[in-house]
């Protein structure tokens, strides 16, 4: 569950940044990448702006929901990350010496 939430959160963040960069701004950001002829015939400038705004809104809400769900998930003490130093070692065989003995 933890991995799924983290991957979903990361994908939402990447798509949100990409959609924000595609929006028309005063500096025209990356909105010119759509092309002049085919993009204009498919969506008008106003229609494209409205579509990008709606997608941005949906992704922003999804980002906040995933952020809140991750914080709730990690709030439980049983889901806290543990140090590798606190875990028992993999070799628990007492016949194997931990330190080499001189003279053998």
C-alpha atoms as a PDB file:
ATOM      1  CA  UNK A   1       0.000   0.000   0.000  1.00  0.00           C
ATOM      2  CA  UNK A   2       2.828   2.340   0.876  1.00  0.00           C
ATOM      3  CA  UNK A   3       4.558   1.887  -2.479  1.00  0.00           C
ATOM      4  CA  UNK A   4       1.346   2.351  -4.436  1.00  0.00           C
ATOM      5  CA  UNK A   5       0.579   5.616  -2.639  1.00  0.00           C
ATOM      6  CA  UNK A   6       4.088   6.938  -3.151  1.00  0.00           C
ATOM      7  CA  UNK A   7       4.185   6.064  -6.861  1.00  0.00           C
ATOM      8  CA  UNK A   8       0.729   7.550  -7.404  1.00  0.00           C
ATOM      9  CA  UNK A   9       1.755  10.730  -5.573  1.00  0.00           C
ATOM     10  CA  UNK A  10       4.908  11.011  -7.689  1.00  0.00           C
ATOM     11  CA  UNK A  11       3.023  10.529 -10.961  1.00  0.00           C
ATOM     12  CA  UNK A  12       0.427  13.119  -9.990  1.00  0.00           C
ATOM     13  CA  UNK A  13       3.181  15.599  -9.133  1.00  0.00           C
ATOM     14  CA  UNK A  14       4.969  15.041 -12.460  1.00  0.00           C
ATOM     15  CA  UNK A  15       1.758  15.426 -14.483  1.00  0.00           C
ATOM     16  CA  UNK A  16       0.781  18.508 -12.476  1.00  0.00           C
ATOM     17  CA  UNK A  17       4.094  20.215 -13.234  1.00  0.00           C
ATOM     18  CA  UNK A  18       3.794  19.325 -16.919  1.00  0.00           C
ATOM     19  CA  UNK A  19       0.240  20.654 -17.209  1.00  0.00           C
ATOM     20  CA  UNK A  20       1.163  23.862 -15.402  1.00  0.00           C
ATOM     21  CA  UNK A  21       4.050  24.407 -17.824  1.00  0.00           C
ATOM     22  CA  UNK A  22       1.731  23.908 -20.805  1.00  0.00           C
ATOM     23  CA  UNK A  23      -0.680  26.618 -19.683  1.00  0.00           C
ATOM     24  CA  UNK A  24      -0.683  29.977 -21.357  1.00  0.00           C
ATOM     25  CA  UNK A  25       0.949  32.624 -19.207  1.00  0.00           C
ATOM     26  CA  UNK A  26       2.177  36.138 -19.766  1.00  0.00           C
ATOM     27  CA  UNK A  27       5.496  34.695 -20.931  1.00  0.00           C
ATOM     28  CA  UNK A  28       3.746  31.995 -23.021  1.00  0.00           C
ATOM     29  CA  UNK A  29       5.754  29.269 -21.183  1.00  0.00           C
ATOM     30  CA  UNK A  30       5.511  26.026 -23.160  1.00  0.00           C
ATOM     31  CA  UNK A  31       2.050  26.633 -24.597  1.00  0.00           C
ATOM     32  CA  UNK A  32       3.507  27.143 -28.066  1.00  0.00           C
ATOM     33  CA  UNK A  33       4.428  23.478 -28.320  1.00  0.00           C
ATOM     34  CA  UNK A  34       0.900  22.582 -29.379  1.00  0.00           C
ATOM     35  CA  UNK A  35       1.507  23.729 -32.939  1.00  0.00           C
ATOM     36  CA  UNK A  36      -0.337  26.335 -34.929  1.00  0.00           C
ATOM     37  CA  UNK A  37      -2.593  24.577 -37.396  1.00  0.00           C
ATOM     38  CA  UNK A  38      -3.658  21.212 -36.048  1.00  0.00           C
ATOM     39  CA  UNK A  39      -4.025  22.365 -32.449  1.00  0.00           C
ATOM     40  CA  UNK A  40      -6.053  25.389 -33.508  1.00  0.00           C
ATOM     41  CA  UNK A  41      -8.466  23.293 -35.510  1.00  0.00           C
ATOM     42  CA  UNK A  42      -8.886  20.774 -32.690  1.00  0.00           C
ATOM     43  CA  UNK A  43      -9.366  23.235 -29.855  1.00  0.00           C
ATOM     44  CA  UNK A  44      -9.660  26.959 -29.879  1.00  0.00           C
ATOM     45  CA  UNK A  45      -7.318  28.993 -27.692  1.00  0.00           C
ATOM     46  CA  UNK A  46     -10.098  29.524 -25.192  1.00  0.00           C
ATOM     47  CA  UNK A  47     -11.145  25.862 -25.250  1.00  0.00           C
ATOM     48  CA  UNK A  48      -7.565  24.718 -24.761  1.00  0.00           C
ATOM     49  CA  UNK A  49      -7.181  27.098 -21.825  1.00  0.00           C
ATOM     50  CA  UNK A  50     -10.360  25.836 -20.204  1.00  0.00           C
ATOM     51  CA  UNK A  51      -9.346  22.198 -20.700  1.00  0.00           C
ATOM     52  CA  UNK A  52      -5.887  22.777 -19.194  1.00  0.00           C
ATOM     53  CA  UNK A  53      -7.437  24.667 -16.291  1.00  0.00           C
ATOM     54  CA  UNK A  54      -9.839  21.817 -15.562  1.00  0.00           C
ATOM     55  CA  UNK A  55      -7.058  19.215 -15.791  1.00  0.00           C
ATOM     56  CA  UNK A  56      -4.907  21.345 -13.470  1.00  0.00           C
ATOM     57  CA  UNK A  57      -7.752  21.588 -10.972  1.00  0.00           C
ATOM     58  CA  UNK A  58      -8.338  17.825 -10.991  1.00  0.00           C
ATOM     59  CA  UNK A  59      -4.615  17.078 -10.626  1.00  0.00           C
ATOM     60  CA  UNK A  60      -4.249  19.646  -7.825  1.00  0.00           C
ATOM     61  CA  UNK A  61      -7.135  18.096  -5.885  1.00  0.00           C
ATOM     62  CA  UNK A  62      -5.674  14.610  -6.463  1.00  0.00           C
ATOM     63  CA  UNK A  63      -2.269  15.872  -5.264  1.00  0.00           C
ATOM     64  CA  UNK A  64      -3.737  17.246  -2.042  1.00  0.00           C
ATOM     65  CA  UNK A  65      -5.776  14.098  -1.422  1.00  0.00           C
ATOM     66  CA  UNK A  66      -2.713  11.890  -1.951  1.00  0.00           C
ATOM     67  CA  UNK A  67      -0.633  14.150   0.307  1.00  0.00           C
ATOM     68  CA  UNK A  68      -3.200  13.944   3.090  1.00  0.00           C
ATOM     69  CA  UNK A  69      -3.585  10.186   2.680  1.00  0.00           C
ATOM     70  CA  UNK A  70       0.194   9.713   2.866  1.00  0.00           C
ATOM     71  CA  UNK A  71       0.380  11.809   6.025  1.00  0.00           C
ATOM     72  CA  UNK A  72      -2.433   9.815   7.623  1.00  0.00           C
ATOM     73  CA  UNK A  73      -0.809   6.535   6.581  1.00  0.00           C
ATOM     74  CA  UNK A  74       2.571   7.478   8.076  1.00  0.00           C
ATOM     75  CA  UNK A  75       1.035   8.900  11.247  1.00  0.00           C
ATOM     76  CA  UNK A  76       0.484   5.407  12.650  1.00  0.00           C
ATOM     77  CA  UNK A  77       3.451   4.261  14.769  1.00  0.00           C
ATOM     78  CA  UNK A  78       3.478   0.810  13.169  1.00  0.00           C
ATOM     79  CA  UNK A  79       4.298   2.266   9.744  1.00  0.00           C
ATOM     80  CA  UNK A  80       7.316   4.290  10.794  1.00  0.00           C
ATOM     81  CA  UNK A  81      10.553   3.537   9.056  1.00  0.00           C
ATOM     82  CA  UNK A  82      12.914   1.408  11.071  1.00  0.00           C
ATOM     83  CA  UNK A  83      16.644   1.648  11.154  1.00  0.00           C
ATOM     84  CA  UNK A  84      18.595  -1.241   9.688  1.00  0.00           C
ATOM     85  CA  UNK A  85      20.686  -1.173  12.842  1.00  0.00           C
ATOM     86  CA  UNK A  86      17.650  -2.107  14.941  1.00  0.00           C
ATOM     87  CA  UNK A  87      16.883  -5.212  12.879  1.00  0.00           C
ATOM     88  CA  UNK A  88      18.421  -8.556  13.861  1.00  0.00           C
ATOM     89  CA  UNK A  89      21.290  -9.727  11.750  1.00  0.00           C
ATOM     90  CA  UNK A  90      20.687 -12.343   9.067  1.00  0.00           C
ATOM     91  CA  UNK A  91      23.326 -14.733  10.451  1.00  0.00           C
ATOM     92  CA  UNK A  92      22.267 -15.975  13.850  1.00  0.00           C
ATOM     93  CA  UNK A  93      24.277 -19.195  13.742  1.00  0.00           C
ATOM     94  CA  UNK A  94      26.308 -19.353  16.956  1.00  0.00           C
ATOM     95  CA  UNK A  95      28.824 -21.827  15.477  1.00  0.00           C
ATOM     96  CA  UNK A  96      30.184 -19.165  13.144  1.00  0.00           C
ATOM     97  CA  UNK A  97      32.541 -16.821  14.998  1.00  0.00           C
ATOM     98  CA  UNK A  98      31.916 -13.132  14.430  1.00  0.00           C
ATOM     99  CA  UNK A  99      35.593 -12.275  14.724  1.00  0.00           C
ATOM    100  CA  UNK A 100      38.301 -14.475  13.250  1.00  0.00           C
ATOM    101  CA  UNK A 101      40.364 -16.190  15.942  1.00  0.00           C
ATOM    102  CA  UNK A 102      44.142 -15.815  15.580  1.00  0.00           C
ATOM    103  CA  UNK A 103      46.022 -19.073  15.149  1.00  0.00           C
ATOM    104  CA  UNK A 104      43.300 -21.072  13.394  1.00  0.00           C
END
